[in-house]
């Protein structure tokens, strides 16, 4: 996927249960590039050559379950893809939790919620 350089976004660090599954989702489904693997416990991914937009790690324990509903923590974050065709492609392979036509809400293999929206 051809990503445009990100604007006004730093990065987010996510706890995941399994690094390989997270890489398959963020790289294989969403199209981020792997910029660094930190042993077997973390992977850093980016779009447009940035050092990393998303970091996934098992530092809270490999295989750990997601926080229960209502717990403190990140509810969701938004990823803007280049166009509506990319949004439709992702929706077709991720089984969105929510689809309102303008954006979709999906969950990664560890349950982290991402709102995916097509750019202007």
PDB file of N, CA and C in Angstrom:
ATOM      1  N   UNK A   1       0.844  -1.158   0.000  1.00  0.00           N
ATOM      2  CA  UNK A   1       0.000   0.000   0.000  1.00  0.00           C
ATOM      3  C   UNK A   1       0.896   1.230   0.000  1.00  0.00           C
ATOM      4  N   UNK A   2       0.521   2.241  -0.722  1.00  0.00           N
ATOM      5  CA  UNK A   2       1.274   3.489  -0.773  1.00  0.00           C
ATOM      6  C   UNK A   2       0.745   4.446   0.292  1.00  0.00           C
ATOM      7  N   UNK A   3       1.495   4.597   1.341  1.00  0.00           N
ATOM      8  CA  UNK A   3       1.104   5.500   2.419  1.00  0.00           C
ATOM      9  C   UNK A   3       1.661   6.879   2.158  1.00  0.00           C
ATOM     10  N   UNK A   4       0.881   7.871   2.500  1.00  0.00           N
ATOM     11  CA  UNK A   4       1.397   9.231   2.486  1.00  0.00           C
ATOM     12  C   UNK A   4       2.115   9.467   3.804  1.00  0.00           C
ATOM     13  N   UNK A   5       3.010  10.425   3.812  1.00  0.00           N
ATOM     14  CA  UNK A   5       3.695  10.764   5.049  1.00  0.00           C
ATOM     15  C   UNK A   5       2.665  11.217   6.080  1.00  0.00           C
ATOM     16  N   UNK A   6       2.800  10.742   7.299  1.00  0.00           N
ATOM     17  CA  UNK A   6       1.843  11.081   8.358  1.00  0.00           C
ATOM     18  C   UNK A   6       2.004  12.532   8.776  1.00  0.00           C
ATOM     19  N   UNK A   7       0.909  13.126   9.138  1.00  0.00           N
ATOM     20  CA  UNK A   7       0.909  14.509   9.598  1.00  0.00           C
ATOM     21  C   UNK A   7       0.332  14.563  11.004  1.00  0.00           C
ATOM     22  N   UNK A   8       0.932  15.355  11.859  1.00  0.00           N
ATOM     23  CA  UNK A   8       0.423  15.630  13.203  1.00  0.00           C
ATOM     24  C   UNK A   8       0.160  14.356  14.002  1.00  0.00           C
ATOM     25  N   UNK A   9       1.021  13.386  13.846  1.00  0.00           N
ATOM     26  CA  UNK A   9       0.850  12.163  14.615  1.00  0.00           C
ATOM     27  C   UNK A   9       2.212  11.716  15.066  1.00  0.00           C
ATOM     28  N   UNK A  10       2.342  11.436  16.317  1.00  0.00           N
ATOM     29  CA  UNK A  10       3.561  10.871  16.858  1.00  0.00           C
ATOM     30  C   UNK A  10       3.506   9.371  16.706  1.00  0.00           C
ATOM     31  N   UNK A  11       3.305   8.691  17.822  1.00  0.00           N
ATOM     32  CA  UNK A  11       3.200   7.238  17.755  1.00  0.00           C
ATOM     33  C   UNK A  11       2.450   6.711  18.971  1.00  0.00           C
ATOM     34  N   UNK A  12       2.061   5.460  18.878  1.00  0.00           N
ATOM     35  CA  UNK A  12       1.329   4.801  19.953  1.00  0.00           C
ATOM     36  C   UNK A  12       2.038   3.472  20.241  1.00  0.00           C
ATOM     37  N   UNK A  13       2.107   3.126  21.514  1.00  0.00           N
ATOM     38  CA  UNK A  13       2.656   1.838  21.939  1.00  0.00           C
ATOM     39  C   UNK A  13       1.503   0.988  22.441  1.00  0.00           C
ATOM     40  N   UNK A  14       1.424  -0.235  21.946  1.00  0.00           N
ATOM     41  CA  UNK A  14       0.319  -1.124  22.289  1.00  0.00           C
ATOM     42  C   UNK A  14       0.832  -2.409  22.905  1.00  0.00           C
ATOM     43  N   UNK A  15       0.172  -2.846  23.976  1.00  0.00           N
ATOM     44  CA  UNK A  15       0.467  -4.177  24.496  1.00  0.00           C
ATOM     45  C   UNK A  15      -0.283  -5.186  23.640  1.00  0.00           C
ATOM     46  N   UNK A  16       0.414  -6.223  23.237  1.00  0.00           N
ATOM     47  CA  UNK A  16      -0.207  -7.298  22.460  1.00  0.00           C
ATOM     48  C   UNK A  16       0.125  -8.631  23.120  1.00  0.00           C
ATOM     49  N   UNK A  17      -0.673  -9.625  22.824  1.00  0.00           N
ATOM     50  CA  UNK A  17      -0.451 -10.949  23.388  1.00  0.00           C
ATOM     51  C   UNK A  17       0.617 -11.723  22.623  1.00  0.00           C
ATOM     52  N   UNK A  18       0.755 -11.425  21.320  1.00  0.00           N
ATOM     53  CA  UNK A  18       1.649 -12.202  20.459  1.00  0.00           C
ATOM     54  C   UNK A  18       2.237 -11.290  19.382  1.00  0.00           C
ATOM     55  N   UNK A  19       3.542 -11.185  19.341  1.00  0.00           N
ATOM     56  CA  UNK A  19       4.214 -10.292  18.387  1.00  0.00           C
ATOM     57  C   UNK A  19       3.972 -10.733  16.943  1.00  0.00           C
ATOM     58  N   UNK A  20       4.073 -12.018  16.653  1.00  0.00           N
ATOM     59  CA  UNK A  20       3.895 -12.489  15.269  1.00  0.00           C
ATOM     60  C   UNK A  20       2.485 -12.172  14.762  1.00  0.00           C
ATOM     61  N   UNK A  21       1.481 -12.375  15.588  1.00  0.00           N
ATOM     62  CA  UNK A  21       0.106 -12.067  15.177  1.00  0.00           C
ATOM     63  C   UNK A  21      -0.068 -10.567  14.963  1.00  0.00           C
ATOM     64  N   UNK A  22       0.540  -9.763  15.829  1.00  0.00           N
ATOM     65  CA  UNK A  22       0.450  -8.305  15.669  1.00  0.00           C
ATOM     66  C   UNK A  22       1.149  -7.865  14.385  1.00  0.00           C
ATOM     67  N   UNK A  23       2.312  -8.425  14.094  1.00  0.00           N
ATOM     68  CA  UNK A  23       3.011  -8.093  12.845  1.00  0.00           C
ATOM     69  C   UNK A  23       2.166  -8.477  11.643  1.00  0.00           C
ATOM     70  N   UNK A  24       1.546  -9.634  11.681  1.00  0.00           N
ATOM     71  CA  UNK A  24       0.710 -10.074  10.559  1.00  0.00           C
ATOM     72  C   UNK A  24      -0.436  -9.092  10.328  1.00  0.00           C
ATOM     73  N   UNK A  25      -0.993  -8.542  11.390  1.00  0.00           N
ATOM     74  CA  UNK A  25      -2.089  -7.589  11.251  1.00  0.00           C
ATOM     75  C   UNK A  25      -1.587  -6.221  10.785  1.00  0.00           C
ATOM     76  N   UNK A  26      -0.653  -5.634  11.517  1.00  0.00           N
ATOM     77  CA  UNK A  26      -0.229  -4.261  11.209  1.00  0.00           C
ATOM     78  C   UNK A  26       0.589  -4.170   9.922  1.00  0.00           C
ATOM     79  N   UNK A  27       1.329  -5.202   9.611  1.00  0.00           N
ATOM     80  CA  UNK A  27       2.096  -5.203   8.357  1.00  0.00           C
ATOM     81  C   UNK A  27       1.279  -5.829   7.229  1.00  0.00           C
ATOM     82  N   UNK A  28       0.789  -7.026   7.461  1.00  0.00           N
ATOM     83  CA  UNK A  28       0.110  -7.763   6.409  1.00  0.00           C
ATOM     84  C   UNK A  28      -1.238  -7.200   6.012  1.00  0.00           C
ATOM     85  N   UNK A  29      -2.033  -6.760   6.976  1.00  0.00           N
ATOM     86  CA  UNK A  29      -3.370  -6.241   6.680  1.00  0.00           C
ATOM     87  C   UNK A  29      -3.340  -4.736   6.430  1.00  0.00           C
ATOM     88  N   UNK A  30      -2.721  -3.984   7.350  1.00  0.00           N
ATOM     89  CA  UNK A  30      -2.749  -2.527   7.229  1.00  0.00           C
ATOM     90  C   UNK A  30      -1.634  -1.965   6.351  1.00  0.00           C
ATOM     91  N   UNK A  31      -0.549  -2.703   6.155  1.00  0.00           N
ATOM     92  CA  UNK A  31       0.493  -2.259   5.241  1.00  0.00           C
ATOM     93  C   UNK A  31       1.607  -1.423   5.847  1.00  0.00           C
ATOM     94  N   UNK A  32       1.709  -1.378   7.176  1.00  0.00           N
ATOM     95  CA  UNK A  32       2.831  -0.669   7.788  1.00  0.00           C
ATOM     96  C   UNK A  32       4.126  -1.419   7.530  1.00  0.00           C
ATOM     97  N   UNK A  33       5.229  -0.705   7.515  1.00  0.00           N
ATOM     98  CA  UNK A  33       6.555  -1.308   7.354  1.00  0.00           C
ATOM     99  C   UNK A  33       7.175  -1.551   8.718  1.00  0.00           C
ATOM    100  N   UNK A  34       7.864  -2.664   8.869  1.00  0.00           N
ATOM    101  CA  UNK A  34       8.600  -2.920  10.106  1.00  0.00           C
ATOM    102  C   UNK A  34       9.897  -2.141  10.043  1.00  0.00           C
ATOM    103  N   UNK A  35      10.134  -1.314  11.060  1.00  0.00           N
ATOM    104  CA  UNK A  35      11.362  -0.522  11.101  1.00  0.00           C
ATOM    105  C   UNK A  35      12.377  -1.092  12.085  1.00  0.00           C
ATOM    106  N   UNK A  36      11.898  -1.835  13.090  1.00  0.00           N
ATOM    107  CA  UNK A  36      12.807  -2.388  14.098  1.00  0.00           C
ATOM    108  C   UNK A  36      12.121  -3.513  14.845  1.00  0.00           C
ATOM    109  N   UNK A  37      12.868  -4.565  15.080  1.00  0.00           N
ATOM    110  CA  UNK A  37      12.410  -5.614  15.995  1.00  0.00           C
ATOM    111  C   UNK A  37      13.320  -5.541  17.215  1.00  0.00           C
ATOM    112  N   UNK A  38      12.720  -5.507  18.391  1.00  0.00           N
ATOM    113  CA  UNK A  38      13.459  -5.437  19.643  1.00  0.00           C
ATOM    114  C   UNK A  38      13.400  -6.821  20.265  1.00  0.00           C
ATOM    115  N   UNK A  39      14.329  -7.657  19.834  1.00  0.00           N
ATOM    116  CA  UNK A  39      14.303  -9.049  20.268  1.00  0.00           C
ATOM    117  C   UNK A  39      13.002  -9.701  19.856  1.00  0.00           C
ATOM    118  N   UNK A  40      12.468 -10.509  20.773  1.00  0.00           N
ATOM    119  CA  UNK A  40      11.194 -11.175  20.511  1.00  0.00           C
ATOM    120  C   UNK A  40      10.063 -10.502  21.269  1.00  0.00           C
ATOM    121  N   UNK A  41      10.331  -9.314  21.849  1.00  0.00           N
ATOM    122  CA  UNK A  41       9.329  -8.705  22.720  1.00  0.00           C
ATOM    123  C   UNK A  41       8.693  -7.425  22.186  1.00  0.00           C
ATOM    124  N   UNK A  42       9.194  -6.891  21.075  1.00  0.00           N
ATOM    125  CA  UNK A  42       8.601  -5.663  20.538  1.00  0.00           C
ATOM    126  C   UNK A  42       8.921  -5.510  19.061  1.00  0.00           C
ATOM    127  N   UNK A  43       8.014  -4.867  18.354  1.00  0.00           N
ATOM    128  CA  UNK A  43       8.222  -4.533  16.946  1.00  0.00           C
ATOM    129  C   UNK A  43       7.730  -3.108  16.743  1.00  0.00           C
ATOM    130  N   UNK A  44       8.475  -2.353  15.961  1.00  0.00           N
ATOM    131  CA  UNK A  44       8.134  -0.965  15.655  1.00  0.00           C
ATOM    132  C   UNK A  44       7.783  -0.889  14.173  1.00  0.00           C
ATOM    133  N   UNK A  45       6.670  -0.234  13.862  1.00  0.00           N
ATOM    134  CA  UNK A  45       6.157  -0.175  12.492  1.00  0.00           C
ATOM    135  C   UNK A  45       5.877   1.266  12.107  1.00  0.00           C
ATOM    136  N   UNK A  46       6.013   1.558  10.800  1.00  0.00           N
ATOM    137  CA  UNK A  46       5.798   2.931  10.358  1.00  0.00           C
ATOM    138  C   UNK A  46       5.183   2.998   8.975  1.00  0.00           C
ATOM    139  N   UNK A  47       4.781   4.208   8.632  1.00  0.00           N
ATOM    140  CA  UNK A  47       4.330   4.543   7.288  1.00  0.00           C
ATOM    141  C   UNK A  47       5.140   5.739   6.824  1.00  0.00           C
ATOM    142  N   UNK A  48       5.518   5.758   5.575  1.00  0.00           N
ATOM    143  CA  UNK A  48       6.198   6.915   5.016  1.00  0.00           C
ATOM    144  C   UNK A  48       7.594   7.165   5.533  1.00  0.00           C
ATOM    145  N   UNK A  49       8.258   6.163   6.105  1.00  0.00           N
ATOM    146  CA  UNK A  49       9.636   6.311   6.523  1.00  0.00           C
ATOM    147  C   UNK A  49       9.871   6.878   7.909  1.00  0.00           C
ATOM    148  N   UNK A  50       8.820   7.158   8.681  1.00  0.00           N
ATOM    149  CA  UNK A  50       8.951   7.649  10.051  1.00  0.00           C
ATOM    150  C   UNK A  50       9.572   6.555  10.908  1.00  0.00           C
ATOM    151  N   UNK A  51      10.204   6.890  12.019  1.00  0.00           N
ATOM    152  CA  UNK A  51      10.865   5.852  12.830  1.00  0.00           C
ATOM    153  C   UNK A  51       9.874   4.826  13.370  1.00  0.00           C
ATOM    154  N   UNK A  52       8.721   5.261  13.841  1.00  0.00           N
ATOM    155  CA  UNK A  52       7.619   4.345  14.108  1.00  0.00           C
ATOM    156  C   UNK A  52       6.361   5.130  14.454  1.00  0.00           C
ATOM    157  N   UNK A  53       5.258   4.623  13.939  1.00  0.00           N
ATOM    158  CA  UNK A  53       3.946   5.153  14.271  1.00  0.00           C
ATOM    159  C   UNK A  53       3.272   4.255  15.294  1.00  0.00           C
ATOM    160  N   UNK A  54       3.529   2.959  15.161  1.00  0.00           N
ATOM    161  CA  UNK A  54       2.939   1.975  16.055  1.00  0.00           C
ATOM    162  C   UNK A  54       4.048   1.075  16.556  1.00  0.00           C
ATOM    163  N   UNK A  55       4.065   0.887  17.868  1.00  0.00           N
ATOM    164  CA  UNK A  55       4.963  -0.095  18.467  1.00  0.00           C
ATOM    165  C   UNK A  55       4.080  -1.107  19.181  1.00  0.00           C
ATOM    166  N   UNK A  56       4.379  -2.369  18.989  1.00  0.00           N
ATOM    167  CA  UNK A  56       3.655  -3.432  19.675  1.00  0.00           C
ATOM    168  C   UNK A  56       4.648  -4.173  20.556  1.00  0.00           C
ATOM    169  N   UNK A  57       4.211  -4.512  21.768  1.00  0.00           N
ATOM    170  CA  UNK A  57       5.133  -5.198  22.673  1.00  0.00           C
ATOM    171  C   UNK A  57       4.394  -6.158  23.591  1.00  0.00           C
ATOM    172  N   UNK A  58       5.155  -7.082  24.152  1.00  0.00           N
ATOM    173  CA  UNK A  58       4.630  -8.047  25.122  1.00  0.00           C
ATOM    174  C   UNK A  58       5.231  -7.796  26.496  1.00  0.00           C
ATOM    175  N   UNK A  59       5.605  -6.582  26.769  1.00  0.00           N
ATOM    176  CA  UNK A  59       6.289  -6.257  28.023  1.00  0.00           C
ATOM    177  C   UNK A  59       5.412  -6.458  29.251  1.00  0.00           C
ATOM    178  N   UNK A  60       4.107  -6.502  29.099  1.00  0.00           N
ATOM    179  CA  UNK A  60       3.217  -6.793  30.225  1.00  0.00           C
ATOM    180  C   UNK A  60       2.933  -8.294  30.312  1.00  0.00           C
ATOM    181  N   UNK A  61       3.599  -9.066  29.466  1.00  0.00           N
ATOM    182  CA  UNK A  61       3.444 -10.511  29.477  1.00  0.00           C
ATOM    183  C   UNK A  61       2.897 -11.058  28.176  1.00  0.00           C
ATOM    184  N   UNK A  62       3.637 -11.971  27.574  1.00  0.00           N
ATOM    185  CA  UNK A  62       3.167 -12.626  26.352  1.00  0.00           C
ATOM    186  C   UNK A  62       1.910 -13.420  26.674  1.00  0.00           C
ATOM    187  N   UNK A  63       0.938 -13.350  25.797  1.00  0.00           N
ATOM    188  CA  UNK A  63      -0.302 -14.093  25.979  1.00  0.00           C
ATOM    189  C   UNK A  63      -1.287 -13.442  26.932  1.00  0.00           C
ATOM    190  N   UNK A  64      -0.943 -12.285  27.453  1.00  0.00           N
ATOM    191  CA  UNK A  64      -1.831 -11.609  28.403  1.00  0.00           C
ATOM    192  C   UNK A  64      -3.161 -11.257  27.739  1.00  0.00           C
ATOM    193  N   UNK A  65      -4.204 -11.309  28.508  1.00  0.00           N
ATOM    194  CA  UNK A  65      -5.547 -10.981  28.018  1.00  0.00           C
ATOM    195  C   UNK A  65      -5.725  -9.467  27.967  1.00  0.00           C
ATOM    196  N   UNK A  66      -6.613  -8.973  27.093  1.00  0.00           N
ATOM    197  CA  UNK A  66      -6.893  -7.529  27.069  1.00  0.00           C
ATOM    198  C   UNK A  66      -7.542  -7.080  28.373  1.00  0.00           C
ATOM    199  N   UNK A  67      -7.442  -5.789  28.654  1.00  0.00           N
ATOM    200  CA  UNK A  67      -8.117  -5.235  29.824  1.00  0.00           C
ATOM    201  C   UNK A  67      -9.620  -5.438  29.686  1.00  0.00           C
ATOM    202  N   UNK A  68     -10.315  -5.641  30.802  1.00  0.00           N
ATOM    203  CA  UNK A  68     -11.774  -5.791  30.718  1.00  0.00           C
ATOM    204  C   UNK A  68     -12.435  -4.473  30.329  1.00  0.00           C
ATOM    205  N   UNK A  69     -13.632  -4.550  29.786  1.00  0.00           N
ATOM    206  CA  UNK A  69     -14.394  -3.344  29.450  1.00  0.00           C
ATOM    207  C   UNK A  69     -14.500  -2.461  30.688  1.00  0.00           C
ATOM    208  N   UNK A  70     -14.353  -1.168  30.488  1.00  0.00           N
ATOM    209  CA  UNK A  70     -14.454  -0.216  31.576  1.00  0.00           C
ATOM    210  C   UNK A  70     -13.147   0.061  32.296  1.00  0.00           C
ATOM    211  N   UNK A  71     -12.096  -0.708  32.004  1.00  0.00           N
ATOM    212  CA  UNK A  71     -10.801  -0.474  32.647  1.00  0.00           C
ATOM    213  C   UNK A  71     -10.154   0.772  32.060  1.00  0.00           C
ATOM    214  N   UNK A  72      -9.273   1.396  32.829  1.00  0.00           N
ATOM    215  CA  UNK A  72      -8.528   2.533  32.311  1.00  0.00           C
ATOM    216  C   UNK A  72      -7.632   2.078  31.173  1.00  0.00           C
ATOM    217  N   UNK A  73      -7.450   2.948  30.187  1.00  0.00           N
ATOM    218  CA  UNK A  73      -6.569   2.616  29.081  1.00  0.00           C
ATOM    219  C   UNK A  73      -7.071   3.225  27.788  1.00  0.00           C
ATOM    220  N   UNK A  74      -6.338   2.973  26.743  1.00  0.00           N
ATOM    221  CA  UNK A  74      -6.667   3.485  25.421  1.00  0.00           C
ATOM    222  C   UNK A  74      -7.933   2.807  24.908  1.00  0.00           C
ATOM    223  N   UNK A  75      -8.926   3.602  24.563  1.00  0.00           N
ATOM    224  CA  UNK A  75     -10.174   3.048  24.040  1.00  0.00           C
ATOM    225  C   UNK A  75     -10.005   2.663  22.570  1.00  0.00           C
ATOM    226  N   UNK A  76      -9.466   3.578  21.762  1.00  0.00           N
ATOM    227  CA  UNK A  76      -9.219   3.329  20.341  1.00  0.00           C
ATOM    228  C   UNK A  76      -8.290   4.408  19.830  1.00  0.00           C
ATOM    229  N   UNK A  77      -7.715   4.180  18.669  1.00  0.00           N
ATOM    230  CA  UNK A  77      -6.956   5.212  17.974  1.00  0.00           C
ATOM    231  C   UNK A  77      -7.337   5.161  16.510  1.00  0.00           C
ATOM    232  N   UNK A  78      -7.057   6.242  15.789  1.00  0.00           N
ATOM    233  CA  UNK A  78      -7.480   6.352  14.398  1.00  0.00           C
ATOM    234  C   UNK A  78      -6.293   6.255  13.460  1.00  0.00           C
ATOM    235  N   UNK A  79      -6.462   5.484  12.408  1.00  0.00           N
ATOM    236  CA  UNK A  79      -5.494   5.379  11.320  1.00  0.00           C
ATOM    237  C   UNK A  79      -6.188   5.897  10.070  1.00  0.00           C
ATOM    238  N   UNK A  80      -5.554   6.830   9.382  1.00  0.00           N
ATOM    239  CA  UNK A  80      -6.121   7.374   8.149  1.00  0.00           C
ATOM    240  C   UNK A  80      -5.404   6.723   6.972  1.00  0.00           C
ATOM    241  N   UNK A  81      -6.182   6.052   6.121  1.00  0.00           N
ATOM    242  CA  UNK A  81      -5.628   5.401   4.933  1.00  0.00           C
ATOM    243  C   UNK A  81      -5.801   6.334   3.728  1.00  0.00           C
ATOM    244  N   UNK A  82      -5.049   6.088   2.657  1.00  0.00           N
ATOM    245  CA  UNK A  82      -5.041   7.028   1.530  1.00  0.00           C
ATOM    246  C   UNK A  82      -6.391   7.299   0.860  1.00  0.00           C
ATOM    247  N   UNK A  83      -7.243   6.279   0.730  1.00  0.00           N
ATOM    248  CA  UNK A  83      -8.494   6.513   0.001  1.00  0.00           C
ATOM    249  C   UNK A  83      -9.540   5.464   0.370  1.00  0.00           C
ATOM    250  N   UNK A  84     -10.751   5.665  -0.149  1.00  0.00           N
ATOM    251  CA  UNK A  84     -11.873   4.784   0.181  1.00  0.00           C
ATOM    252  C   UNK A  84     -11.667   3.356  -0.306  1.00  0.00           C
ATOM    253  N   UNK A  85     -10.936   3.160  -1.398  1.00  0.00           N
ATOM    254  CA  UNK A  85     -10.702   1.793  -1.872  1.00  0.00           C
ATOM    255  C   UNK A  85      -9.862   1.017  -0.855  1.00  0.00           C
ATOM    256  N   UNK A  86      -8.934   1.680  -0.229  1.00  0.00           N
ATOM    257  CA  UNK A  86      -8.116   1.035   0.808  1.00  0.00           C
ATOM    258  C   UNK A  86      -8.974   0.717   2.032  1.00  0.00           C
ATOM    259  N   UNK A  87      -9.864   1.594   2.383  1.00  0.00           N
ATOM    260  CA  UNK A  87     -10.792   1.354   3.492  1.00  0.00           C
ATOM    261  C   UNK A  87     -11.656   0.127   3.199  1.00  0.00           C
ATOM    262  N   UNK A  88     -12.176   0.027   1.985  1.00  0.00           N
ATOM    263  CA  UNK A  88     -13.002  -1.127   1.598  1.00  0.00           C
ATOM    264  C   UNK A  88     -12.175  -2.420   1.623  1.00  0.00           C
ATOM    265  N   UNK A  89     -10.924  -2.355   1.163  1.00  0.00           N
ATOM    266  CA  UNK A  89     -10.061  -3.542   1.174  1.00  0.00           C
ATOM    267  C   UNK A  89      -9.868  -4.044   2.601  1.00  0.00           C
ATOM    268  N   UNK A  90      -9.577  -3.133   3.514  1.00  0.00           N
ATOM    269  CA  UNK A  90      -9.361  -3.516   4.907  1.00  0.00           C
ATOM    270  C   UNK A  90     -10.651  -4.056   5.519  1.00  0.00           C
ATOM    271  N   UNK A  91     -11.766  -3.408   5.246  1.00  0.00           N
ATOM    272  CA  UNK A  91     -13.051  -3.861   5.776  1.00  0.00           C
ATOM    273  C   UNK A  91     -13.377  -5.278   5.311  1.00  0.00           C
ATOM    274  N   UNK A  92     -13.011  -5.605   4.082  1.00  0.00           N
ATOM    275  CA  UNK A  92     -13.324  -6.918   3.522  1.00  0.00           C
ATOM    276  C   UNK A  92     -12.549  -8.047   4.193  1.00  0.00           C
ATOM    277  N   UNK A  93     -11.386  -7.740   4.779  1.00  0.00           N
ATOM    278  CA  UNK A  93     -10.563  -8.814   5.361  1.00  0.00           C
ATOM    279  C   UNK A  93     -10.469  -8.765   6.877  1.00  0.00           C
ATOM    280  N   UNK A  94     -11.105  -7.778   7.536  1.00  0.00           N
ATOM    281  CA  UNK A  94     -10.948  -7.668   8.982  1.00  0.00           C
ATOM    282  C   UNK A  94     -12.212  -7.911   9.789  1.00  0.00           C
ATOM    283  N   UNK A  95     -13.354  -8.072   9.176  1.00  0.00           N
ATOM    284  CA  UNK A  95     -14.617  -8.206   9.902  1.00  0.00           C
ATOM    285  C   UNK A  95     -14.790  -7.064  10.893  1.00  0.00           C
ATOM    286  N   UNK A  96     -15.077  -5.869  10.378  1.00  0.00           N
ATOM    287  CA  UNK A  96     -15.188  -4.699  11.266  1.00  0.00           C
ATOM    288  C   UNK A  96     -16.216  -4.888  12.374  1.00  0.00           C
ATOM    289  N   UNK A  97     -15.908  -4.310  13.523  1.00  0.00           N
ATOM    290  CA  UNK A  97     -16.832  -4.300  14.645  1.00  0.00           C
ATOM    291  C   UNK A  97     -17.960  -3.320  14.342  1.00  0.00           C
ATOM    292  N   UNK A  98     -17.607  -2.250  13.642  1.00  0.00           N
ATOM    293  CA  UNK A  98     -18.562  -1.191  13.312  1.00  0.00           C
ATOM    294  C   UNK A  98     -18.200  -0.660  11.929  1.00  0.00           C
ATOM    295  N   UNK A  99     -19.200  -0.408  11.108  1.00  0.00           N
ATOM    296  CA  UNK A  99     -18.980   0.146   9.775  1.00  0.00           C
ATOM    297  C   UNK A  99     -20.086   1.143   9.505  1.00  0.00           C
ATOM    298  N   UNK A 100     -19.723   2.434   9.488  1.00  0.00           N
ATOM    299  CA  UNK A 100     -20.757   3.441   9.235  1.00  0.00           C
ATOM    300  C   UNK A 100     -20.625   4.045   7.844  1.00  0.00           C
ATOM    301  N   UNK A 101     -19.824   3.415   6.983  1.00  0.00           N
ATOM    302  CA  UNK A 101     -19.661   3.898   5.611  1.00  0.00           C
ATOM    303  C   UNK A 101     -18.552   4.916   5.458  1.00  0.00           C
ATOM    304  N   UNK A 102     -18.309   5.712   6.478  1.00  0.00           N
ATOM    305  CA  UNK A 102     -17.239   6.715   6.409  1.00  0.00           C
ATOM    306  C   UNK A 102     -15.964   6.251   7.080  1.00  0.00           C
ATOM    307  N   UNK A 103     -16.111   5.347   8.035  1.00  0.00           N
ATOM    308  CA  UNK A 103     -14.956   4.739   8.672  1.00  0.00           C
ATOM    309  C   UNK A 103     -15.385   3.402   9.257  1.00  0.00           C
ATOM    310  N   UNK A 104     -14.399   2.627   9.672  1.00  0.00           N
ATOM    311  CA  UNK A 104     -14.681   1.331  10.272  1.00  0.00           C
ATOM    312  C   UNK A 104     -13.924   1.224  11.583  1.00  0.00           C
ATOM    313  N   UNK A 105     -14.445   0.440  12.486  1.00  0.00           N
ATOM    314  CA  UNK A 105     -13.759   0.129  13.730  1.00  0.00           C
ATOM    315  C   UNK A 105     -13.402  -1.337  13.677  1.00  0.00           C
ATOM    316  N   UNK A 106     -12.116  -1.638  13.806  1.00  0.00           N
ATOM    317  CA  UNK A 106     -11.644  -3.020  13.788  1.00  0.00           C
ATOM    318  C   UNK A 106     -10.828  -3.266  15.056  1.00  0.00           C
ATOM    319  N   UNK A 107     -10.559  -4.511  15.330  1.00  0.00           N
ATOM    320  CA  UNK A 107      -9.713  -4.881  16.463  1.00  0.00           C
ATOM    321  C   UNK A 107      -8.549  -5.719  15.946  1.00  0.00           C
ATOM    322  N   UNK A 108      -7.368  -5.447  16.507  1.00  0.00           N
ATOM    323  CA  UNK A 108      -6.211  -6.265  16.154  1.00  0.00           C
ATOM    324  C   UNK A 108      -6.333  -7.606  16.870  1.00  0.00           C
ATOM    325  N   UNK A 109      -5.439  -8.560  16.621  1.00  0.00           N
ATOM    326  CA  UNK A 109      -5.565  -9.884  17.241  1.00  0.00           C
ATOM    327  C   UNK A 109      -5.559  -9.870  18.771  1.00  0.00           C
ATOM    328  N   UNK A 110      -5.060  -8.794  19.379  1.00  0.00           N
ATOM    329  CA  UNK A 110      -5.049  -8.694  20.841  1.00  0.00           C
ATOM    330  C   UNK A 110      -6.217  -7.898  21.398  1.00  0.00           C
ATOM    331  N   UNK A 111      -7.105  -7.432  20.521  1.00  0.00           N
ATOM    332  CA  UNK A 111      -8.283  -6.717  20.975  1.00  0.00           C
ATOM    333  C   UNK A 111      -8.147  -5.201  20.980  1.00  0.00           C
ATOM    334  N   UNK A 112      -6.994  -4.654  20.584  1.00  0.00           N
ATOM    335  CA  UNK A 112      -6.841  -3.200  20.515  1.00  0.00           C
ATOM    336  C   UNK A 112      -7.732  -2.662  19.402  1.00  0.00           C
ATOM    337  N   UNK A 113      -8.467  -1.578  19.678  1.00  0.00           N
ATOM    338  CA  UNK A 113      -9.431  -1.032  18.724  1.00  0.00           C
ATOM    339  C   UNK A 113      -8.807   0.084  17.889  1.00  0.00           C
ATOM    340  N   UNK A 114      -9.008  -0.005  16.571  1.00  0.00           N
ATOM    341  CA  UNK A 114      -8.544   1.005  15.629  1.00  0.00           C
ATOM    342  C   UNK A 114      -9.720   1.496  14.812  1.00  0.00           C
ATOM    343  N   UNK A 115      -9.877   2.781  14.733  1.00  0.00           N
ATOM    344  CA  UNK A 115     -10.849   3.386  13.819  1.00  0.00           C
ATOM    345  C   UNK A 115     -10.063   3.697  12.554  1.00  0.00           C
ATOM    346  N   UNK A 116     -10.519   3.189  11.434  1.00  0.00           N
ATOM    347  CA  UNK A 116      -9.831   3.392  10.166  1.00  0.00           C
ATOM    348  C   UNK A 116     -10.706   4.263   9.292  1.00  0.00           C
ATOM    349  N   UNK A 117     -10.111   5.321   8.790  1.00  0.00           N
ATOM    350  CA  UNK A 117     -10.836   6.342   8.019  1.00  0.00           C
ATOM    351  C   UNK A 117     -10.058   6.633   6.740  1.00  0.00           C
ATOM    352  N   UNK A 118     -10.779   6.898   5.657  1.00  0.00           N
ATOM    353  CA  UNK A 118     -10.132   7.269   4.397  1.00  0.00           C
ATOM    354  C   UNK A 118      -9.777   8.743   4.430  1.00  0.00           C
ATOM    355  N   UNK A 119      -8.570   9.068   3.952  1.00  0.00           N
ATOM    356  CA  UNK A 119      -8.107  10.455   3.884  1.00  0.00           C
ATOM    357  C   UNK A 119      -8.819  11.220   2.799  1.00  0.00           C
ATOM    358  N   UNK A 120      -8.686  12.543   2.896  1.00  0.00           N
ATOM    359  CA  UNK A 120      -9.334  13.411   1.903  1.00  0.00           C
ATOM    360  C   UNK A 120      -8.494  13.547   0.673  1.00  0.00           C
TER     361      UNK A 120
END
